[in-house]
Protein backbone atom coordinates (compact mmCIF):
# COMPACT_ATOMS: atom_id res chain seq x y z
CA UNK A 1 -87.24 50.08 80.56
CA UNK A 2 -83.66 49.32 79.75
CA UNK A 3 -81.10 48.28 82.32
CA UNK A 4 -77.37 47.78 81.98
CA UNK A 5 -77.38 44.29 83.35
CA UNK A 6 -76.08 44.69 86.89
CA UNK A 7 -79.35 44.98 88.83
CA UNK A 8 -81.22 41.96 90.12
CA UNK A 9 -80.03 38.80 91.87
CA UNK A 10 -76.95 37.20 90.37
CA UNK A 11 -76.53 33.50 89.63
CA UNK A 12 -75.12 32.54 93.01
CA UNK A 13 -78.02 34.11 94.92
CA UNK A 14 -76.23 37.15 96.29
CA UNK A 15 -78.37 40.28 96.83
CA UNK A 16 -78.84 42.60 93.89
CA UNK A 17 -76.35 45.41 93.42
CA UNK A 18 -77.91 48.77 92.65
CA UNK A 19 -75.85 50.53 90.02
CA UNK A 20 -75.82 53.96 91.65
CA UNK A 21 -77.19 55.18 94.99
CA UNK A 22 -77.77 58.91 95.40
CA UNK A 23 -78.09 60.25 98.95
CA UNK A 24 -80.27 63.35 98.94
CA UNK A 25 -83.30 64.03 96.77
CA UNK A 26 -83.09 67.80 96.44
CA UNK A 27 -81.68 69.71 93.46
CA UNK A 28 -78.17 68.25 93.47
CA UNK A 29 -79.31 64.65 93.79
CA UNK A 30 -82.04 65.07 91.20
CA UNK A 31 -79.72 66.68 88.67
CA UNK A 32 -77.35 63.74 89.03
CA UNK A 33 -80.25 61.28 88.82
CA UNK A 34 -81.78 62.79 85.66
CA UNK A 35 -78.44 62.85 83.85
CA UNK A 36 -77.59 59.27 84.87
CA UNK A 37 -81.04 58.01 83.90
CA UNK A 38 -80.69 59.59 80.45
CA UNK A 39 -77.37 57.80 79.97
CA UNK A 40 -78.90 54.44 80.86
CA UNK A 41 -77.84 54.01 84.48
CA UNK A 42 -80.23 52.66 87.11
CA UNK A 43 -80.41 54.87 90.20
CA UNK A 44 -82.01 54.95 93.63
CA UNK A 45 -82.42 58.28 95.45
CA UNK A 46 -82.62 58.15 99.24
CA UNK A 47 -84.42 61.24 100.62
CA UNK A 48 -84.78 61.72 104.36
CA UNK A 49 -88.04 63.75 104.27
CA UNK A 50 -91.32 61.86 104.29
CA UNK A 51 -93.14 63.70 101.49
CA UNK A 52 -92.70 66.16 98.67
CA UNK A 53 -90.36 69.02 99.44
CA UNK A 54 -90.89 72.77 99.43
CA UNK A 55 -93.84 74.05 97.38
CA UNK A 56 -94.52 77.62 96.25
CA UNK A 57 -91.99 79.19 98.63
CA UNK A 58 -90.37 81.03 95.73
CA UNK A 59 -86.75 80.93 96.87
CA UNK A 60 -84.85 82.61 94.06
CA UNK A 61 -81.79 81.11 92.38
CA UNK A 62 -79.48 82.65 89.80
CA UNK A 63 -79.34 80.06 87.02
CA UNK A 64 -75.83 80.14 85.61
CA UNK A 65 -74.80 79.05 82.15
CA UNK A 66 -74.15 75.47 83.25
CA UNK A 67 -77.68 75.21 84.66
CA UNK A 68 -79.27 76.53 81.47
CA UNK A 69 -77.18 74.14 79.35
CA UNK A 70 -78.13 71.25 81.64
CA UNK A 71 -81.86 71.84 81.07
CA UNK A 72 -81.35 72.26 77.34
CA UNK A 73 -79.71 68.85 77.30
CA UNK A 74 -81.81 66.85 79.75
CA UNK A 75 -85.23 68.51 80.17
CA UNK A 76 -88.12 66.81 78.32
CA UNK A 77 -90.99 68.93 79.63
CA UNK A 78 -90.47 71.95 77.39
CA UNK A 79 -91.22 74.28 80.34
CA UNK A 80 -89.10 77.45 80.69
CA UNK A 81 -86.89 77.05 83.74
CA UNK A 82 -85.89 80.69 84.13
CA UNK A 83 -86.91 84.33 83.79
CA UNK A 84 -84.43 86.51 81.88
CA UNK A 85 -82.66 89.48 83.43
CA UNK A 86 -81.31 91.89 80.83
CA UNK A 87 -79.44 94.46 82.89
CA UNK A 88 -77.51 94.89 86.15
CA UNK A 89 -78.34 97.97 88.19
CA UNK A 90 -76.46 99.30 91.22
CA UNK A 91 -78.44 101.65 93.48
CA UNK A 92 -77.30 103.88 96.33
CA UNK A 93 -79.16 104.47 99.59
CA UNK A 94 -81.36 107.08 97.96
CA UNK A 95 -82.35 104.71 95.15
CA UNK A 96 -80.37 106.50 92.45
CA UNK A 97 -78.84 104.29 89.76
CA UNK A 98 -75.10 104.81 90.18
CA UNK A 99 -74.00 102.18 87.67
CA UNK A 100 -75.63 99.91 85.12
CA UNK A 101 -74.58 97.57 82.35
CA UNK A 102 -76.26 95.31 79.84
CA UNK A 103 -75.77 91.74 81.03
CA UNK A 104 -78.11 88.85 80.24
CA UNK A 105 -78.61 86.46 83.14
CA UNK A 106 -81.29 83.94 84.03
CA UNK A 107 -83.23 83.68 87.29
CA UNK A 108 -85.16 80.66 88.48
CA UNK A 109 -86.74 79.45 91.71
CA UNK A 110 -86.11 76.46 93.92
CA UNK A 111 -89.59 74.99 93.59
CA UNK A 112 -89.80 75.30 89.79
CA UNK A 113 -86.40 73.65 89.39
CA UNK A 114 -87.31 70.88 91.84
CA UNK A 115 -90.59 69.93 90.15
CA UNK A 116 -89.14 70.04 86.63
CA UNK A 117 -86.40 67.69 87.81
CA UNK A 118 -88.95 65.38 89.48
CA UNK A 119 -90.95 65.28 86.23
CA UNK A 120 -87.83 64.30 84.33
CA UNK A 121 -86.57 61.82 86.92
CA UNK A 122 -89.59 59.82 88.05
CA UNK A 123 -92.40 61.45 86.04
CA UNK A 124 -94.05 63.25 88.97
CA UNK A 125 -97.06 65.26 87.82
CA UNK A 126 -97.63 68.69 89.36
CA UNK A 127 -99.09 72.11 88.71
CA UNK A 128 -95.64 73.18 87.58
CA UNK A 129 -96.22 71.36 84.30
CA UNK A 130 -98.96 73.75 83.18
CA UNK A 131 -98.31 74.53 79.53
CA UNK A 132 -95.76 71.72 79.34
CA UNK A 133 -95.84 67.94 79.14
CA UNK A 134 -95.01 64.99 81.35
CA UNK A 135 -91.80 63.51 79.90
CA UNK A 136 -92.13 60.29 77.98
CA UNK A 137 -90.15 57.17 78.75
CA UNK A 138 -87.49 56.45 76.16
CA UNK A 139 -85.71 53.30 75.18
CA UNK A 140 -82.35 53.25 76.87
CA UNK A 141 -83.44 55.14 79.98
CA UNK A 142 -82.21 53.72 83.26
CA UNK A 143 -84.62 52.55 85.94
CA UNK A 144 -85.26 54.97 88.80
CA UNK A 145 -86.54 54.86 92.36
CA UNK A 146 -87.16 57.84 94.64
CA UNK A 147 -87.49 56.67 98.24
CA UNK A 148 -88.81 58.93 101.00
CA UNK A 149 -88.08 58.72 104.71
CA UNK A 150 -84.60 57.22 104.29
CA UNK A 151 -81.89 58.60 106.60
CA UNK A 152 -78.37 57.35 105.94
CA UNK A 153 -76.54 56.22 109.06
CA UNK A 154 -73.39 54.54 107.72
CA UNK A 155 -71.32 53.86 104.62
CA UNK A 156 -69.24 50.68 104.72
CA UNK A 157 -66.60 49.73 102.17
CA UNK A 158 -66.82 46.09 101.10
CA UNK A 159 -64.11 45.48 98.52
CA UNK A 160 -65.20 46.86 95.16
CA UNK A 161 -68.56 48.01 96.48
CA UNK A 162 -69.92 50.06 99.38
CA UNK A 163 -72.90 49.29 101.56
CA UNK A 164 -75.16 52.25 102.32
CA UNK A 165 -76.97 51.70 105.62
CA UNK A 166 -80.08 53.75 106.33
CA UNK A 167 -83.16 53.91 108.52
CA UNK A 168 -86.48 53.99 106.71
CA UNK A 169 -89.46 55.58 108.45
CA UNK A 170 -92.65 53.54 108.14
CA UNK A 171 -96.22 54.83 107.94
CA UNK A 172 -96.85 54.03 111.62
CA UNK A 173 -93.88 56.21 112.63
CA UNK A 174 -91.51 53.36 113.44
CA UNK A 175 -88.18 52.86 111.70
CA UNK A 176 -86.43 49.85 110.28
CA UNK A 177 -82.85 49.49 109.13
CA UNK A 178 -82.11 48.65 105.51
CA UNK A 179 -79.09 48.79 103.25
CA UNK A 180 -78.17 48.97 99.58
CA UNK A 181 -74.93 47.85 97.98
CA UNK A 182 -73.53 49.92 95.15
CA UNK A 183 -70.44 50.43 93.06
CA UNK A 184 -70.97 54.19 93.00
CA UNK A 185 -72.36 56.42 95.74
CA UNK A 186 -73.30 60.04 95.04
CA UNK A 187 -73.42 62.18 98.19
CA UNK A 188 -75.88 65.03 97.56
CA UNK A 189 -77.33 65.43 101.04
CA UNK A 190 -76.61 69.12 101.45
CA UNK A 191 -74.30 71.33 103.54
CA UNK A 192 -74.95 69.28 106.69
CA UNK A 193 -74.17 66.07 104.81
CA UNK A 194 -74.19 62.91 106.90
CA UNK A 195 -72.29 61.10 104.16
CA UNK A 196 -69.52 63.71 104.23
CA UNK A 197 -69.22 63.44 108.00
CA UNK A 198 -68.78 59.67 107.65
CA UNK A 199 -66.23 59.77 104.83
CA UNK A 200 -64.41 62.96 105.87
CA UNK A 201 -64.45 62.96 109.64
CA UNK A 202 -63.48 66.21 111.30
CA UNK A 203 -65.22 68.43 108.77
CA UNK A 204 -67.97 70.45 110.42
CA UNK A 205 -70.39 73.15 109.33
CA UNK A 206 -69.46 76.57 110.70
CA UNK A 207 -71.14 79.96 110.77
CA UNK A 208 -69.99 82.04 107.79
CA UNK A 209 -70.50 85.42 109.48
CA UNK A 210 -73.71 86.61 107.84
CA UNK A 211 -77.42 85.90 107.66
CA UNK A 212 -79.80 86.05 104.71
CA UNK A 213 -83.33 87.42 104.94
CA UNK A 214 -85.45 86.78 101.88
CA UNK A 215 -88.97 87.26 100.62
CA UNK A 216 -91.07 87.78 97.52
CA UNK A 217 -93.68 90.25 96.26
CA UNK A 218 -96.18 89.30 93.52
CA UNK A 219 -95.39 91.25 90.39
CA UNK A 220 -99.03 92.32 90.10
CA UNK A 221 -98.94 93.92 93.58
CA UNK A 222 -95.81 96.02 93.09
CA UNK A 223 -95.95 99.69 92.17
CA UNK A 224 -95.06 100.80 88.66
CA UNK A 225 -92.01 102.59 90.09
CA UNK A 226 -90.82 99.32 91.58
CA UNK A 227 -91.44 97.39 88.38
CA UNK A 228 -89.52 99.96 86.35
CA UNK A 229 -86.45 99.19 88.45
CA UNK A 230 -86.75 95.53 89.42
CA UNK A 231 -88.61 93.77 86.61
CA UNK A 232 -86.24 91.62 84.55
CA UNK A 233 -83.28 93.42 86.13
CA UNK A 234 -80.65 92.21 88.58
CA UNK A 235 -80.49 94.97 91.19
CA UNK A 236 -77.92 95.53 93.92
CA UNK A 237 -78.59 97.90 96.83
CA UNK A 238 -76.57 98.90 99.91
CA UNK A 239 -78.44 100.84 102.57
CA UNK A 240 -79.56 100.91 106.19
CA UNK A 241 -82.68 98.90 106.93
CA UNK A 242 -84.36 99.82 110.22
CA UNK A 243 -87.07 97.93 112.04
CA UNK A 244 -86.47 94.91 109.85
CA UNK A 245 -88.67 92.55 111.76
CA UNK A 246 -91.74 94.75 111.41
CA UNK A 247 -91.26 96.27 107.95
CA UNK A 248 -89.17 96.06 104.80
CA UNK A 249 -88.59 98.99 102.45
CA UNK A 250 -86.71 98.71 99.18
CA UNK A 251 -85.66 101.97 97.53
CA UNK A 252 -86.74 101.92 93.89
CA UNK A 253 -85.92 105.46 92.71
CA UNK A 254 -84.81 108.76 94.16
CA UNK A 255 -88.43 109.64 95.05
CA UNK A 256 -90.30 106.35 95.39
CA UNK A 257 -90.23 103.30 97.61
CA UNK A 258 -92.02 99.98 97.38
CA UNK A 259 -93.20 98.67 100.74
CA UNK A 260 -92.80 94.94 100.99
CA UNK A 261 -94.96 94.40 104.05
CA UNK A 262 -95.57 95.95 107.44
CA UNK A 263 -97.36 94.74 110.51
CA UNK A 264 -98.79 96.86 113.28
CA UNK A 265 -97.10 97.04 116.63
CA UNK A 266 -93.57 97.83 117.65
CA UNK A 267 -92.17 94.31 117.35
CA UNK A 268 -88.41 93.81 117.47
CA UNK A 269 -85.89 96.26 116.10
CA UNK A 270 -82.70 95.32 114.28
CA UNK A 271 -80.58 98.09 112.74
CA UNK A 272 -78.84 97.24 109.47
CA UNK A 273 -76.00 99.50 108.32
CA UNK A 274 -74.31 99.98 104.96
CA UNK A 275 -71.08 98.32 106.06
CA UNK A 276 -71.53 94.56 105.66
CA UNK A 277 -74.94 94.88 103.97
CA UNK A 278 -76.14 93.99 100.49
CA UNK A 279 -79.54 93.56 98.89
CA UNK A 280 -80.29 91.69 95.69
CA UNK A 281 -83.65 91.90 93.93
CA UNK A 282 -84.69 90.16 90.72
CA UNK A 283 -87.68 88.57 88.96
CA UNK A 284 -88.46 84.86 89.31
CA UNK A 285 -91.29 82.55 88.29
CA UNK A 286 -94.58 82.86 90.16
CA UNK A 287 -97.08 80.30 91.46
CA UNK A 288 -96.63 76.87 89.88
CA UNK A 289 -93.63 78.17 87.96
CA UNK A 290 -95.59 80.74 85.95
CA UNK A 291 -93.10 82.79 83.90
CA UNK A 292 -95.69 85.00 82.15
CA UNK A 293 -95.30 88.76 82.79
CA UNK A 294 -97.69 89.94 85.49
CA UNK A 295 -97.76 86.52 87.19
CA UNK A 296 -94.20 86.37 88.45
CA UNK A 297 -92.52 87.35 91.73
CA UNK A 298 -90.00 89.99 92.74
CA UNK A 299 -87.48 88.11 94.86
CA UNK A 300 -85.48 90.16 97.38
CA UNK A 301 -82.55 88.93 99.47
CA UNK A 302 -80.80 90.83 102.28
CA UNK A 303 -77.29 89.79 103.30
CA UNK A 304 -76.14 91.17 106.65
CA UNK A 305 -73.05 90.52 108.77
CA UNK A 306 -73.48 89.62 112.44
CA UNK A 307 -70.78 88.57 114.87
CA UNK A 308 -71.15 85.03 116.11
CA UNK A 309 -72.72 85.02 119.55
CA UNK A 310 -73.89 88.62 119.27
CA UNK A 311 -77.21 89.70 120.78
CA UNK A 312 -78.54 90.74 117.36
CA UNK A 313 -77.72 87.36 115.83
CA UNK A 314 -79.41 85.53 118.69
CA UNK A 315 -82.54 87.67 118.34
CA UNK A 316 -82.83 87.31 114.59
CA UNK A 317 -82.36 83.53 114.73
CA UNK A 318 -85.03 83.07 117.41
CA UNK A 319 -88.52 82.28 116.12
CA UNK A 320 -91.81 83.69 117.43
CA UNK A 321 -92.13 80.81 119.90
CA UNK A 322 -88.76 81.57 121.48
CA UNK A 323 -86.91 78.68 119.85
CA UNK A 324 -83.37 79.50 118.77
CA UNK A 325 -82.93 78.03 115.29
CA UNK A 326 -79.50 76.79 114.24
CA UNK A 327 -79.62 77.31 110.47
CA UNK A 328 -82.94 78.67 109.20
CA UNK A 329 -86.32 79.86 110.41
CA UNK A 330 -89.14 78.22 108.41
CA UNK A 331 -91.85 80.47 106.87
CA UNK A 332 -94.43 81.40 109.48
CA UNK A 333 -92.22 80.50 112.43
């Protein structure tokens, strides 16, 4: 594989200089890595988790024009990255369509995007490549490394380069400190970025004033009334949602509802009101990125405002074991 001549040990025995270090191996870091690889740059991605990331959780993402153009330019798998949405619908509390317009958009999912990027970056094989191909290596591609269990602890400027210091978790659970020297550092380690906190001290993550509750329903399990409204449409709903933690109803027409899950027992009760509430529902790829009709998912997302420190916010952010989560509650918790 081609390099651009700056990796390796130089003539006077100094340590090798990695061309580009990318902190964070999720979507942002991978998109940077794939593009840089294609243009011949050698890259190392430092990812703090110890194994592959989220699988088959189906978190929906609206794929904007830039995202679609990116995959047209850099994807070598040939796998569709998105499901089309042909119309926007706005529904009232009763499920009546109060406004609609023809508007083509594209919807994807976190896991499909992640595994297509991994296939293009470091040729990771997965079930998401069904009906597609593992990208070939091409002359001129940069060299790549994806390193798990690497948590950045410091960034030190050393003249024309920076030293990225990190702790690497070993198989026996212990950690050892390592570092890489680079002329270009890409910080893609998310909203709670350690790199940002080092370079821009004083910036902190703050509560934005709302929470998001999301889920998916297999297309094959939804009623025809629900499919007529939600399939390949981008739907917006404002309504009151009662008993959220024990049931979820989405209005699909003036006379029909699709029930998205209900458990027995009283459970907790959170009242959601129209003011400060919005629901989005759209179609995304199904298991292993399947974009064939009948095998996809209906992705619903509820946005709701809660005052910081309020009793309702504390309850909704506390998992079933009584642990108050700071940012998100993992599936099943």
